Every structure is written in C-alpha cells, then in structure tokens.
N, C-alpha and C. Protein backbone atom coordinates (compact mmCIF):
# COMPACT_ATOMS: atom_id res chain seq x y z
N MET A 1 4.75 -8.96 5.34
CA MET A 1 4.12 -7.66 5.16
C MET A 1 4.89 -6.89 4.10
N THR A 2 4.20 -6.44 3.05
CA THR A 2 4.82 -5.67 1.99
C THR A 2 5.01 -4.23 2.44
N GLN A 3 6.20 -3.70 2.17
CA GLN A 3 6.49 -2.31 2.46
C GLN A 3 7.04 -1.66 1.19
N TYR A 4 6.77 -0.37 1.05
CA TYR A 4 7.25 0.38 -0.10
C TYR A 4 8.09 1.56 0.37
N ARG A 5 9.24 1.73 -0.26
CA ARG A 5 10.05 2.92 0.01
C ARG A 5 9.28 4.14 -0.49
N ILE A 6 9.66 5.29 -0.02
CA ILE A 6 8.96 6.53 -0.39
C ILE A 6 8.93 6.70 -1.91
N SER A 7 10.05 6.45 -2.57
CA SER A 7 10.10 6.60 -4.03
C SER A 7 9.15 5.62 -4.73
N GLU A 8 9.05 4.41 -4.21
CA GLU A 8 8.14 3.42 -4.80
C GLU A 8 6.69 3.83 -4.57
N ALA A 9 6.38 4.30 -3.37
CA ALA A 9 5.02 4.76 -3.08
C ALA A 9 4.65 5.93 -3.99
N ALA A 10 5.59 6.84 -4.19
CA ALA A 10 5.35 8.00 -5.05
C ALA A 10 5.04 7.56 -6.48
N GLU A 11 5.81 6.62 -6.98
CA GLU A 11 5.59 6.14 -8.34
C GLU A 11 4.21 5.49 -8.47
N LEU A 12 3.83 4.68 -7.49
CA LEU A 12 2.53 4.01 -7.53
C LEU A 12 1.37 5.00 -7.44
N LEU A 13 1.57 6.10 -6.71
CA LEU A 13 0.51 7.10 -6.55
C LEU A 13 0.54 8.17 -7.64
N GLY A 14 1.60 8.17 -8.46
CA GLY A 14 1.70 9.15 -9.54
C GLY A 14 2.04 10.55 -9.06
N VAL A 15 2.80 10.64 -7.97
CA VAL A 15 3.21 11.93 -7.42
C VAL A 15 4.72 11.91 -7.18
N SER A 16 5.26 13.04 -6.72
CA SER A 16 6.69 13.11 -6.45
C SER A 16 7.03 12.53 -5.08
N ASP A 17 8.30 12.19 -4.91
CA ASP A 17 8.77 11.72 -3.60
C ASP A 17 8.48 12.78 -2.53
N ASP A 18 8.70 14.05 -2.89
CA ASP A 18 8.47 15.14 -1.93
C ASP A 18 7.02 15.20 -1.48
N THR A 19 6.10 14.93 -2.39
CA THR A 19 4.67 14.94 -2.01
C THR A 19 4.39 13.85 -0.99
N VAL A 20 4.94 12.66 -1.21
CA VAL A 20 4.73 11.57 -0.25
C VAL A 20 5.35 11.93 1.09
N ARG A 21 6.54 12.52 1.07
CA ARG A 21 7.18 12.92 2.33
C ARG A 21 6.33 13.97 3.06
N ARG A 22 5.74 14.90 2.32
CA ARG A 22 4.86 15.90 2.96
C ARG A 22 3.64 15.23 3.57
N TRP A 23 3.07 14.24 2.89
CA TRP A 23 1.93 13.50 3.44
C TRP A 23 2.33 12.77 4.71
N VAL A 24 3.52 12.18 4.71
CA VAL A 24 4.00 11.48 5.90
C VAL A 24 4.23 12.49 7.03
N ASP A 25 4.93 13.58 6.73
CA ASP A 25 5.20 14.61 7.74
C ASP A 25 3.92 15.23 8.28
N GLY A 26 2.91 15.35 7.42
CA GLY A 26 1.64 15.94 7.84
C GLY A 26 0.70 14.96 8.51
N GLY A 27 1.09 13.69 8.60
CA GLY A 27 0.27 12.70 9.27
C GLY A 27 -0.83 12.10 8.41
N ARG A 28 -0.85 12.42 7.12
CA ARG A 28 -1.89 11.87 6.23
C ARG A 28 -1.59 10.43 5.83
N LEU A 29 -0.30 10.06 5.85
CA LEU A 29 0.12 8.73 5.46
C LEU A 29 1.15 8.24 6.47
N ALA A 30 0.90 7.08 7.06
CA ALA A 30 1.80 6.55 8.09
C ALA A 30 3.01 5.90 7.44
N ALA A 31 4.18 6.10 8.05
CA ALA A 31 5.41 5.48 7.58
C ALA A 31 6.25 5.06 8.78
N THR A 32 7.04 4.04 8.57
CA THR A 32 7.98 3.56 9.58
C THR A 32 9.34 3.45 8.91
N THR A 33 10.33 3.06 9.67
CA THR A 33 11.64 2.82 9.05
C THR A 33 11.77 1.34 8.77
N ASP A 34 12.34 1.02 7.61
CA ASP A 34 12.51 -0.39 7.25
C ASP A 34 13.81 -0.93 7.84
N ALA A 35 14.15 -2.14 7.50
CA ALA A 35 15.35 -2.78 8.05
C ALA A 35 16.63 -2.03 7.69
N SER A 36 16.59 -1.26 6.61
CA SER A 36 17.76 -0.48 6.19
C SER A 36 17.77 0.92 6.79
N GLY A 37 16.77 1.24 7.58
CA GLY A 37 16.69 2.56 8.20
C GLY A 37 16.05 3.63 7.32
N ARG A 38 15.46 3.23 6.20
CA ARG A 38 14.79 4.19 5.31
C ARG A 38 13.30 4.24 5.64
N LEU A 39 12.68 5.37 5.31
CA LEU A 39 11.24 5.48 5.50
C LEU A 39 10.54 4.51 4.56
N ALA A 40 9.52 3.85 5.08
CA ALA A 40 8.75 2.90 4.28
C ALA A 40 7.28 2.99 4.68
N VAL A 41 6.43 2.69 3.71
CA VAL A 41 4.98 2.72 3.93
C VAL A 41 4.47 1.29 3.81
N ASP A 42 3.64 0.88 4.76
CA ASP A 42 3.03 -0.43 4.74
C ASP A 42 2.14 -0.56 3.50
N GLY A 43 2.21 -1.71 2.83
CA GLY A 43 1.45 -1.93 1.60
C GLY A 43 -0.05 -1.78 1.78
N ALA A 44 -0.60 -2.31 2.86
CA ALA A 44 -2.05 -2.20 3.08
C ALA A 44 -2.45 -0.76 3.32
N ALA A 45 -1.63 -0.02 4.06
CA ALA A 45 -1.92 1.40 4.31
C ALA A 45 -1.84 2.20 3.02
N LEU A 46 -0.86 1.86 2.17
CA LEU A 46 -0.73 2.56 0.89
C LEU A 46 -1.92 2.26 -0.01
N ALA A 47 -2.39 1.02 -0.01
CA ALA A 47 -3.55 0.65 -0.82
C ALA A 47 -4.79 1.44 -0.38
N ALA A 48 -5.01 1.51 0.93
CA ALA A 48 -6.17 2.26 1.45
C ALA A 48 -6.05 3.74 1.11
N PHE A 49 -4.84 4.29 1.22
CA PHE A 49 -4.61 5.70 0.91
C PHE A 49 -4.85 5.96 -0.58
N ALA A 50 -4.41 5.03 -1.45
CA ALA A 50 -4.60 5.19 -2.89
C ALA A 50 -6.09 5.24 -3.24
N VAL A 51 -6.87 4.37 -2.61
CA VAL A 51 -8.31 4.36 -2.86
C VAL A 51 -8.94 5.67 -2.38
N GLU A 52 -8.51 6.13 -1.21
CA GLU A 52 -9.03 7.38 -0.64
C GLU A 52 -8.70 8.58 -1.52
N GLN A 53 -7.52 8.57 -2.13
CA GLN A 53 -7.06 9.70 -2.94
C GLN A 53 -7.58 9.67 -4.37
N ALA A 54 -8.10 8.52 -4.81
CA ALA A 54 -8.55 8.39 -6.20
C ALA A 54 -9.61 9.43 -6.49
N ASN A 55 -9.41 10.15 -7.58
CA ASN A 55 -10.33 11.21 -7.95
C ASN A 55 -10.60 11.11 -9.44
N ALA A 56 -11.42 10.14 -9.81
CA ALA A 56 -11.73 9.94 -11.22
C ALA A 56 -12.74 10.98 -11.67
N PRO A 57 -12.65 11.39 -12.93
CA PRO A 57 -13.65 12.32 -13.45
C PRO A 57 -15.04 11.70 -13.36
N THR A 58 -16.04 12.52 -13.25
CA THR A 58 -17.41 12.04 -13.17
C THR A 58 -17.81 11.40 -14.50
N ASP A 59 -18.43 10.24 -14.42
CA ASP A 59 -18.92 9.55 -15.61
C ASP A 59 -20.09 10.36 -16.16
N PRO A 60 -19.96 10.90 -17.38
CA PRO A 60 -21.02 11.77 -17.91
C PRO A 60 -22.26 11.01 -18.38
N SER A 61 -22.17 9.68 -18.48
CA SER A 61 -23.33 8.92 -18.94
C SER A 61 -24.26 8.63 -17.76
N SER A 62 -25.53 8.47 -18.08
CA SER A 62 -26.50 8.18 -17.02
C SER A 62 -27.14 6.82 -17.25
N VAL A 63 -26.37 5.93 -17.81
CA VAL A 63 -26.85 4.61 -18.14
C VAL A 63 -26.59 3.66 -16.98
N GLY A 64 -27.59 2.87 -16.62
CA GLY A 64 -27.36 1.82 -15.63
C GLY A 64 -26.68 0.65 -16.33
N ARG A 65 -25.69 0.06 -15.68
CA ARG A 65 -24.99 -1.07 -16.30
C ARG A 65 -24.39 -1.96 -15.23
N SER A 66 -24.14 -3.20 -15.60
CA SER A 66 -23.56 -4.13 -14.65
C SER A 66 -22.05 -4.03 -14.58
N ALA A 67 -21.42 -3.50 -15.61
CA ALA A 67 -19.96 -3.37 -15.61
C ALA A 67 -19.54 -2.31 -14.59
N ARG A 68 -18.59 -2.65 -13.75
CA ARG A 68 -18.14 -1.74 -12.70
C ARG A 68 -16.92 -0.92 -13.08
N ASN A 69 -16.27 -1.28 -14.17
CA ASN A 69 -15.03 -0.62 -14.56
C ASN A 69 -15.30 0.42 -15.63
N ARG A 70 -15.33 1.67 -15.22
CA ARG A 70 -15.58 2.79 -16.13
C ARG A 70 -14.42 3.74 -16.06
N PHE A 71 -13.86 4.07 -17.21
CA PHE A 71 -12.72 4.97 -17.26
C PHE A 71 -13.07 6.16 -18.15
N VAL A 72 -13.25 7.30 -17.54
CA VAL A 72 -13.56 8.51 -18.29
C VAL A 72 -12.26 9.04 -18.89
N GLY A 73 -12.31 9.38 -20.16
CA GLY A 73 -11.10 9.87 -20.80
C GLY A 73 -11.37 10.64 -22.06
N ILE A 74 -10.31 10.87 -22.80
CA ILE A 74 -10.39 11.64 -24.03
C ILE A 74 -9.79 10.80 -25.15
N VAL A 75 -10.45 10.83 -26.31
CA VAL A 75 -9.96 10.08 -27.47
C VAL A 75 -8.68 10.74 -27.97
N THR A 76 -7.62 9.93 -28.08
CA THR A 76 -6.32 10.47 -28.52
C THR A 76 -5.92 10.00 -29.91
N ALA A 77 -6.48 8.91 -30.39
CA ALA A 77 -6.14 8.41 -31.72
C ALA A 77 -7.24 7.50 -32.23
N ILE A 78 -7.45 7.55 -33.54
CA ILE A 78 -8.39 6.65 -34.21
C ILE A 78 -7.72 6.17 -35.48
N THR A 79 -7.62 4.85 -35.62
CA THR A 79 -7.12 4.24 -36.85
C THR A 79 -8.29 3.45 -37.42
N MET A 80 -8.72 3.83 -38.64
CA MET A 80 -9.96 3.26 -39.14
C MET A 80 -9.80 2.86 -40.60
N ASP A 81 -10.37 1.70 -40.96
CA ASP A 81 -10.50 1.32 -42.37
C ASP A 81 -11.99 1.23 -42.67
N THR A 82 -12.36 0.54 -43.71
CA THR A 82 -13.78 0.51 -44.08
C THR A 82 -14.64 -0.32 -43.14
N VAL A 83 -14.02 -1.28 -42.43
CA VAL A 83 -14.80 -2.17 -41.58
C VAL A 83 -14.51 -1.97 -40.09
N MET A 84 -13.24 -1.91 -39.72
CA MET A 84 -12.86 -1.89 -38.31
C MET A 84 -12.10 -0.62 -37.95
N ALA A 85 -12.09 -0.34 -36.62
CA ALA A 85 -11.37 0.83 -36.12
C ALA A 85 -10.69 0.49 -34.81
N GLN A 86 -9.57 1.14 -34.58
CA GLN A 86 -8.88 1.07 -33.29
C GLN A 86 -8.98 2.47 -32.69
N VAL A 87 -9.56 2.55 -31.49
CA VAL A 87 -9.75 3.83 -30.82
C VAL A 87 -8.93 3.83 -29.54
N GLU A 88 -8.10 4.85 -29.37
CA GLU A 88 -7.29 4.97 -28.16
C GLU A 88 -7.81 6.11 -27.31
N LEU A 89 -7.91 5.85 -26.00
CA LEU A 89 -8.33 6.86 -25.04
C LEU A 89 -7.24 7.03 -23.99
N GLN A 90 -7.09 8.23 -23.51
CA GLN A 90 -6.22 8.48 -22.36
C GLN A 90 -7.16 8.75 -21.19
N CYS A 91 -7.14 7.84 -20.23
CA CYS A 91 -8.03 7.91 -19.07
C CYS A 91 -7.14 8.11 -17.85
N GLY A 92 -6.92 9.36 -17.47
CA GLY A 92 -5.95 9.64 -16.42
C GLY A 92 -4.60 9.16 -16.89
N PRO A 93 -3.90 8.39 -16.08
CA PRO A 93 -2.59 7.90 -16.50
C PRO A 93 -2.66 6.63 -17.36
N HIS A 94 -3.87 6.18 -17.67
CA HIS A 94 -4.02 4.90 -18.36
C HIS A 94 -4.43 5.07 -19.81
N ARG A 95 -3.75 4.33 -20.68
CA ARG A 95 -4.11 4.27 -22.10
C ARG A 95 -5.02 3.07 -22.28
N VAL A 96 -6.19 3.30 -22.84
CA VAL A 96 -7.15 2.24 -23.09
C VAL A 96 -7.37 2.16 -24.60
N VAL A 97 -7.25 0.95 -25.16
CA VAL A 97 -7.41 0.75 -26.59
C VAL A 97 -8.62 -0.13 -26.82
N SER A 98 -9.48 0.29 -27.74
CA SER A 98 -10.67 -0.48 -28.07
C SER A 98 -10.71 -0.76 -29.56
N LEU A 99 -11.11 -1.98 -29.90
CA LEU A 99 -11.35 -2.34 -31.30
C LEU A 99 -12.86 -2.40 -31.49
N MET A 100 -13.34 -1.72 -32.50
CA MET A 100 -14.78 -1.67 -32.77
C MET A 100 -14.99 -1.50 -34.26
N SER A 101 -16.22 -1.57 -34.67
CA SER A 101 -16.51 -1.37 -36.09
C SER A 101 -16.36 0.11 -36.44
N SER A 102 -16.03 0.37 -37.69
CA SER A 102 -15.95 1.75 -38.17
C SER A 102 -17.33 2.40 -38.09
N GLU A 103 -18.36 1.59 -38.30
CA GLU A 103 -19.74 2.07 -38.20
C GLU A 103 -20.00 2.61 -36.79
N ALA A 104 -19.53 1.91 -35.75
CA ALA A 104 -19.73 2.37 -34.38
C ALA A 104 -19.02 3.69 -34.13
N VAL A 105 -17.83 3.85 -34.68
CA VAL A 105 -17.09 5.11 -34.52
C VAL A 105 -17.91 6.25 -35.11
N ARG A 106 -18.44 6.03 -36.30
CA ARG A 106 -19.25 7.08 -36.96
C ARG A 106 -20.53 7.35 -36.17
N GLU A 107 -21.24 6.29 -35.74
CA GLU A 107 -22.49 6.47 -34.99
C GLU A 107 -22.27 7.21 -33.67
N LEU A 108 -21.15 6.94 -33.00
CA LEU A 108 -20.84 7.61 -31.73
C LEU A 108 -20.28 9.01 -31.94
N GLY A 109 -19.92 9.33 -33.19
CA GLY A 109 -19.34 10.64 -33.46
C GLY A 109 -17.97 10.81 -32.84
N LEU A 110 -17.23 9.71 -32.70
CA LEU A 110 -15.91 9.78 -32.07
C LEU A 110 -14.93 10.52 -32.96
N ALA A 111 -14.15 11.36 -32.34
CA ALA A 111 -13.09 12.10 -33.02
C ALA A 111 -12.01 12.38 -31.99
N ILE A 112 -10.81 12.65 -32.45
CA ILE A 112 -9.74 12.98 -31.52
C ILE A 112 -10.19 14.19 -30.70
N GLY A 113 -10.08 14.04 -29.39
CA GLY A 113 -10.51 15.09 -28.48
C GLY A 113 -11.89 14.85 -27.88
N SER A 114 -12.61 13.85 -28.36
CA SER A 114 -13.95 13.55 -27.82
C SER A 114 -13.85 13.03 -26.39
N LEU A 115 -14.75 13.48 -25.54
CA LEU A 115 -14.89 12.92 -24.20
C LEU A 115 -15.59 11.58 -24.35
N SER A 116 -15.03 10.54 -23.73
CA SER A 116 -15.58 9.20 -23.86
C SER A 116 -15.42 8.45 -22.56
N VAL A 117 -16.17 7.37 -22.44
CA VAL A 117 -16.07 6.50 -21.28
C VAL A 117 -15.79 5.09 -21.77
N ALA A 118 -14.68 4.51 -21.31
CA ALA A 118 -14.38 3.11 -21.62
C ALA A 118 -15.05 2.28 -20.54
N VAL A 119 -15.95 1.40 -20.94
CA VAL A 119 -16.66 0.53 -20.01
C VAL A 119 -16.14 -0.88 -20.24
N ILE A 120 -15.63 -1.49 -19.18
CA ILE A 120 -15.00 -2.80 -19.32
C ILE A 120 -15.72 -3.79 -18.42
N LYS A 121 -16.27 -4.82 -19.03
CA LYS A 121 -16.89 -5.90 -18.28
C LYS A 121 -15.78 -6.89 -17.99
N ALA A 122 -15.36 -6.94 -16.76
CA ALA A 122 -14.14 -7.65 -16.40
C ALA A 122 -14.39 -9.12 -16.09
N THR A 123 -14.82 -9.86 -17.10
CA THR A 123 -14.97 -11.29 -16.90
C THR A 123 -13.67 -12.03 -17.16
N ASN A 124 -12.73 -11.35 -17.80
CA ASN A 124 -11.44 -11.93 -18.13
C ASN A 124 -10.34 -10.94 -17.78
N VAL A 125 -9.92 -10.90 -16.55
CA VAL A 125 -8.87 -9.98 -16.12
C VAL A 125 -7.68 -10.79 -15.66
N ILE A 126 -6.51 -10.47 -16.17
CA ILE A 126 -5.29 -11.14 -15.77
C ILE A 126 -4.59 -10.25 -14.76
N VAL A 127 -4.26 -10.80 -13.60
CA VAL A 127 -3.54 -10.07 -12.56
C VAL A 127 -2.14 -10.66 -12.49
N GLU A 128 -1.13 -9.82 -12.59
CA GLU A 128 0.25 -10.27 -12.54
C GLU A 128 0.96 -9.63 -11.36
N THR A 129 1.99 -10.29 -10.90
CA THR A 129 2.86 -9.74 -9.87
C THR A 129 4.27 -9.71 -10.42
N PRO A 130 5.14 -8.85 -9.88
CA PRO A 130 6.52 -8.85 -10.34
C PRO A 130 7.13 -10.24 -10.20
N GLY A 131 8.05 -10.59 -11.10
CA GLY A 131 8.66 -11.91 -11.09
C GLY A 131 9.20 -12.30 -9.73
N ARG A 132 8.86 -13.48 -9.28
CA ARG A 132 9.31 -14.01 -8.00
C ARG A 132 9.80 -15.42 -8.21
N MET A 133 10.81 -15.75 -7.51
CA MET A 133 11.34 -17.12 -7.59
C MET A 133 10.55 -17.99 -6.60
N PRO A 134 10.16 -19.20 -7.03
CA PRO A 134 9.39 -20.08 -6.12
C PRO A 134 10.21 -20.53 -4.94
C-alpha cells in the first residue's frame, strides 16, 4: 500500500503542507501514522481526493469530440517562422507545447494571452514511475 507523507501529498496536490494538515484535522482527508510515527495519507485515498478537488476551467468550446483530454489555458509564447510554429500554453500548473503550421496560428488568431484549449488524443501516452530497483 502506497502512503504519502503530508509534504509529499501537499506537493502532489499543489498546496501547502499546512493546507493538507487542515484538511486532515477537519476530516476532509484521512491520515494515519506511518512506521516512523509521521502522518501519512493512503495513496488510493489521496488519488480519490485529488479527483474530487480538481477544478478545471470550463471548456469554452462547444464541439463534440472523441478526445477526452482537454486542458483550458492561456497562450504564453509563440515561436513562428514562415511554415511552422511552436505554441506554448499554461494550463493550470501544466505547460503544454504544440507544434502546428504558422497558417493555423494565423487562422486561429492565436496571440500571447489568448484563451485556448489543448485537446490531446491520447493514443500514445507514456506513463512513468519513479526509479525502482527490480
């Protein structure tokens, strides 16, 4: 069973250690003591809590699509030549980079500060875990 110390849980949730302790003290998040006597949160409980707390901005588009991964964000950088462009978005705590034609950037009217949605069809997703010895 995976357990996370309060500081680790805070980092994963993007909040302070004190916030996690308040959630534990308030009964919103269950914690036990680990083998070292420190407060720890069960990994499955933390995962469920993270999903419950997720508050993504509303997707402003009304397009039906099969891709389930939509990240609403703001354009933070555009590097463009005559043919291709690299567009960077900040979607909450995540930086998303897209390569597209310069024509597409112009047609979409993308500019730094534009509200945008990164739509990712996840047919090729690599999932990694921290290094572990076999």
